[in-house]
Amino acid sequence: MYRTQSDASALDVANAIRSLAVVKERLAQVDQARQLWQDAHNQYAALNVVEGTAEAAAHLGRLTLNQ
């Protein structure tokens, strides 16, 4: 949805992806959560948002350990 909005900032898109990743992770939809966290990580890294990049990396690590 956000990706098609021309007025959505890149940070808004990253935050929206993060929110969906949280939901998918809580619903134990691990594959979808992992993909979304990876996407959020990439978005935050491209924007140099250290906190977002670190949070996404932490979630990716936990999801990998819990496989």
Protein backbone atom coordinates (compact mmCIF):
# COMPACT_ATOMS: atom_id res chain seq x y z
CA MET A 1 0.00 0.00 0.00
CA TYR A 2 2.61 2.55 1.07
CA ARG A 3 4.89 1.70 -1.83
CA THR A 4 2.26 2.95 -4.29
CA GLN A 5 1.69 6.26 -2.48
CA SER A 6 3.83 8.95 -4.07
CA ASP A 7 3.66 11.11 -0.94
CA ALA A 8 4.80 8.36 1.45
CA SER A 9 8.33 8.94 2.68
CA ALA A 10 10.85 6.12 2.63
CA LEU A 11 10.84 6.14 6.43
CA ASP A 12 7.04 5.78 6.46
CA VAL A 13 7.39 2.74 4.20
CA ALA A 14 10.08 1.20 6.43
CA ASN A 15 7.95 1.78 9.52
CA ALA A 16 4.89 0.24 7.87
CA ILE A 17 6.91 -2.85 6.90
CA ARG A 18 8.23 -3.06 10.47
CA SER A 19 4.70 -2.94 11.87
CA LEU A 20 3.56 -5.77 9.63
CA ALA A 21 6.67 -7.79 10.53
CA VAL A 22 5.78 -7.46 14.22
CA VAL A 23 2.26 -8.71 13.56
CA LYS A 24 3.43 -11.66 11.45
CA GLU A 25 6.01 -12.62 14.06
CA ARG A 26 3.42 -12.56 16.85
CA LEU A 27 1.14 -14.73 14.73
CA ALA A 28 4.01 -17.22 14.33
CA GLN A 29 4.06 -16.72 10.56
CA VAL A 30 7.82 -17.07 10.60
CA ASP A 31 8.61 -17.09 6.88
CA GLN A 32 6.54 -13.99 6.22
CA ALA A 33 7.93 -12.28 9.31
CA ARG A 34 11.49 -13.05 8.26
CA GLN A 35 10.92 -11.62 4.77
CA LEU A 36 9.35 -8.47 6.20
CA TRP A 37 12.10 -7.99 8.79
CA GLN A 38 14.70 -8.39 6.05
CA ASP A 39 12.90 -5.80 3.93
CA ALA A 40 12.62 -3.43 6.90
CA HIS A 41 16.31 -3.97 7.68
CA ASN A 42 17.27 -3.09 4.11
CA GLN A 43 15.05 0.00 4.12
CA TYR A 44 16.38 1.26 7.46
CA ALA A 45 19.98 0.57 6.44
CA ALA A 46 19.52 2.52 3.20
CA LEU A 47 18.18 5.43 5.25
CA ASN A 48 20.96 5.16 7.86
CA VAL A 49 18.40 4.63 10.63
CA VAL A 50 20.65 2.83 13.11
CA GLU A 51 17.95 1.95 15.63
CA GLY A 52 15.64 0.46 13.02
CA THR A 53 18.46 -1.47 11.39
CA ALA A 54 19.55 -2.88 14.76
CA GLU A 55 16.01 -3.84 15.76
CA ALA A 56 15.39 -5.62 12.47
CA ALA A 57 18.72 -7.46 12.75
CA ALA A 58 17.85 -8.58 16.27
CA HIS A 59 14.49 -9.96 15.14
CA LEU A 60 16.11 -11.72 12.19
CA GLY A 61 18.62 -13.29 14.55
CA ARG A 62 15.91 -14.54 16.91
CA LEU A 63 13.85 -15.92 14.06
CA THR A 64 16.88 -17.76 12.72
CA LEU A 65 17.75 -19.22 16.14
CA ASN A 66 14.18 -20.39 16.72
CA GLN A 67 13.88 -22.34 13.47
